Amino acid sequence: MAASKDRRVIVTLESTAGTGYRYVTKKNKVNNRERIVLKKYDPVIRRHVEFKETR
């Protein structure tokens, strides 16, 4: 069986508001080497906040 040549890896985005809410998404590790920071909706506090990539 051959190894996967997929360059996209699964990453977890965790809320910076401290609620513990997380999103799971994919990113291209070749084009984006640094950690992702996205502004997304946190349903726990019902606001848009920054979500940072965790490892």
N, C-alpha and C. Protein backbone atom coordinates (compact mmCIF):
# COMPACT_ATOMS: atom_id res chain seq x y z
N MET A 1 0.83 -1.17 0.00
CA MET A 1 0.00 0.00 0.00
C MET A 1 0.88 1.24 0.00
N ALA A 2 0.61 2.20 -0.88
CA ALA A 2 1.42 3.41 -1.00
C ALA A 2 1.02 4.44 0.05
N ALA A 3 1.99 5.26 0.42
CA ALA A 3 1.72 6.33 1.39
C ALA A 3 0.91 7.43 0.71
N SER A 4 0.12 8.12 1.50
CA SER A 4 -0.71 9.20 0.98
C SER A 4 0.15 10.39 0.59
N LYS A 5 -0.12 10.98 -0.56
CA LYS A 5 0.63 12.14 -1.02
C LYS A 5 -0.14 13.42 -0.78
N ASP A 6 -1.12 13.36 0.09
CA ASP A 6 -1.95 14.51 0.38
C ASP A 6 -1.15 15.54 1.16
N ARG A 7 -1.11 16.78 0.68
CA ARG A 7 -0.37 17.84 1.34
C ARG A 7 -1.23 18.61 2.33
N ARG A 8 -2.51 18.29 2.36
CA ARG A 8 -3.41 18.98 3.28
C ARG A 8 -3.52 18.16 4.57
N VAL A 9 -3.32 18.83 5.68
CA VAL A 9 -3.38 18.17 6.98
C VAL A 9 -4.57 18.69 7.77
N ILE A 10 -5.08 17.88 8.67
CA ILE A 10 -6.21 18.27 9.52
C ILE A 10 -5.66 19.04 10.71
N VAL A 11 -6.23 20.23 10.97
CA VAL A 11 -5.80 21.05 12.10
C VAL A 11 -7.01 21.38 12.96
N THR A 12 -6.76 21.66 14.22
CA THR A 12 -7.80 22.05 15.16
C THR A 12 -7.66 23.52 15.49
N LEU A 13 -8.77 24.26 15.40
CA LEU A 13 -8.79 25.67 15.75
C LEU A 13 -9.53 25.82 17.07
N GLU A 14 -8.88 26.44 18.07
CA GLU A 14 -9.48 26.59 19.39
C GLU A 14 -9.76 28.07 19.67
N SER A 15 -10.88 28.32 20.33
CA SER A 15 -11.32 29.68 20.63
C SER A 15 -10.36 30.37 21.58
N THR A 16 -10.07 31.65 21.30
CA THR A 16 -9.22 32.43 22.20
C THR A 16 -10.02 33.02 23.35
N ALA A 17 -11.35 32.85 23.34
CA ALA A 17 -12.19 33.36 24.41
C ALA A 17 -12.15 32.47 25.65
N GLY A 18 -11.52 31.31 25.54
CA GLY A 18 -11.39 30.43 26.70
C GLY A 18 -12.60 29.55 26.95
N THR A 19 -13.48 29.41 25.96
CA THR A 19 -14.67 28.59 26.14
C THR A 19 -14.41 27.11 25.88
N GLY A 20 -13.32 26.81 25.18
CA GLY A 20 -13.00 25.42 24.87
C GLY A 20 -13.64 24.93 23.59
N TYR A 21 -14.38 25.81 22.89
CA TYR A 21 -15.02 25.41 21.63
C TYR A 21 -13.96 25.30 20.55
N ARG A 22 -14.10 24.28 19.68
CA ARG A 22 -13.10 24.02 18.64
C ARG A 22 -13.76 23.77 17.29
N TYR A 23 -13.04 24.13 16.26
CA TYR A 23 -13.39 23.78 14.88
C TYR A 23 -12.29 22.88 14.35
N VAL A 24 -12.63 22.02 13.41
CA VAL A 24 -11.65 21.17 12.73
C VAL A 24 -11.70 21.53 11.26
N THR A 25 -10.53 21.76 10.66
CA THR A 25 -10.45 22.13 9.26
C THR A 25 -9.17 21.56 8.67
N LYS A 26 -8.95 21.79 7.39
CA LYS A 26 -7.74 21.34 6.71
C LYS A 26 -6.95 22.54 6.25
N LYS A 27 -5.63 22.37 6.17
CA LYS A 27 -4.79 23.43 5.61
C LYS A 27 -3.70 22.79 4.77
N ASN A 28 -3.22 23.55 3.79
CA ASN A 28 -2.13 23.11 2.94
C ASN A 28 -0.83 23.47 3.65
N LYS A 29 -0.10 22.47 4.11
CA LYS A 29 1.11 22.70 4.89
C LYS A 29 2.26 23.23 4.04
N VAL A 30 2.22 23.05 2.74
CA VAL A 30 3.28 23.54 1.87
C VAL A 30 3.16 25.06 1.70
N ASN A 31 1.95 25.56 1.50
CA ASN A 31 1.76 26.99 1.29
C ASN A 31 1.65 27.78 2.58
N ASN A 32 1.12 27.18 3.64
CA ASN A 32 0.92 27.87 4.92
C ASN A 32 1.67 27.14 6.02
N ARG A 33 2.90 27.53 6.25
CA ARG A 33 3.71 26.86 7.26
C ARG A 33 3.40 27.33 8.67
N GLU A 34 3.06 28.61 8.84
CA GLU A 34 2.78 29.13 10.18
C GLU A 34 1.37 28.75 10.62
N ARG A 35 1.09 28.98 11.88
CA ARG A 35 -0.22 28.61 12.42
C ARG A 35 -1.31 29.53 11.92
N ILE A 36 -2.49 28.97 11.72
CA ILE A 36 -3.64 29.72 11.21
C ILE A 36 -4.33 30.46 12.35
N VAL A 37 -4.79 31.69 12.07
CA VAL A 37 -5.64 32.43 12.99
C VAL A 37 -6.82 32.92 12.16
N LEU A 38 -8.04 32.46 12.49
CA LEU A 38 -9.24 32.84 11.77
C LEU A 38 -10.27 33.40 12.74
N LYS A 39 -11.07 34.34 12.25
CA LYS A 39 -12.16 34.87 13.06
C LYS A 39 -13.42 34.10 12.70
N LYS A 40 -13.94 33.34 13.68
CA LYS A 40 -15.10 32.50 13.46
C LYS A 40 -16.08 32.67 14.62
N TYR A 41 -17.26 32.09 14.45
CA TYR A 41 -18.33 32.22 15.44
C TYR A 41 -18.14 31.24 16.58
N ASP A 42 -18.23 31.72 17.80
CA ASP A 42 -18.19 30.87 18.99
C ASP A 42 -19.59 30.81 19.58
N PRO A 43 -20.30 29.69 19.45
CA PRO A 43 -21.68 29.60 19.91
C PRO A 43 -21.84 29.63 21.43
N VAL A 44 -20.77 29.38 22.17
CA VAL A 44 -20.86 29.39 23.63
C VAL A 44 -21.09 30.82 24.13
N ILE A 45 -20.34 31.78 23.58
CA ILE A 45 -20.51 33.18 23.99
C ILE A 45 -21.31 33.99 22.98
N ARG A 46 -21.71 33.34 21.88
CA ARG A 46 -22.52 33.94 20.82
C ARG A 46 -21.89 35.19 20.22
N ARG A 47 -20.60 35.08 19.89
CA ARG A 47 -19.86 36.18 19.27
C ARG A 47 -18.82 35.62 18.31
N HIS A 48 -18.34 36.48 17.41
CA HIS A 48 -17.22 36.12 16.56
C HIS A 48 -15.93 36.45 17.32
N VAL A 49 -15.04 35.47 17.41
CA VAL A 49 -13.75 35.66 18.08
C VAL A 49 -12.66 35.00 17.23
N GLU A 50 -11.41 35.25 17.57
CA GLU A 50 -10.31 34.62 16.86
C GLU A 50 -10.14 33.18 17.34
N PHE A 51 -9.90 32.32 16.39
CA PHE A 51 -9.59 30.92 16.68
C PHE A 51 -8.17 30.66 16.20
N LYS A 52 -7.36 30.09 17.07
CA LYS A 52 -5.95 29.82 16.74
C LYS A 52 -5.72 28.33 16.60
N GLU A 53 -4.82 27.99 15.69
CA GLU A 53 -4.49 26.59 15.45
C GLU A 53 -3.74 26.01 16.65
N THR A 54 -4.15 24.83 17.09
CA THR A 54 -3.45 24.12 18.15
C THR A 54 -2.80 22.89 17.58
N ARG A 55 -1.82 22.37 18.28
CA ARG A 55 -1.12 21.18 17.80
C ARG A 55 -1.31 20.02 18.72
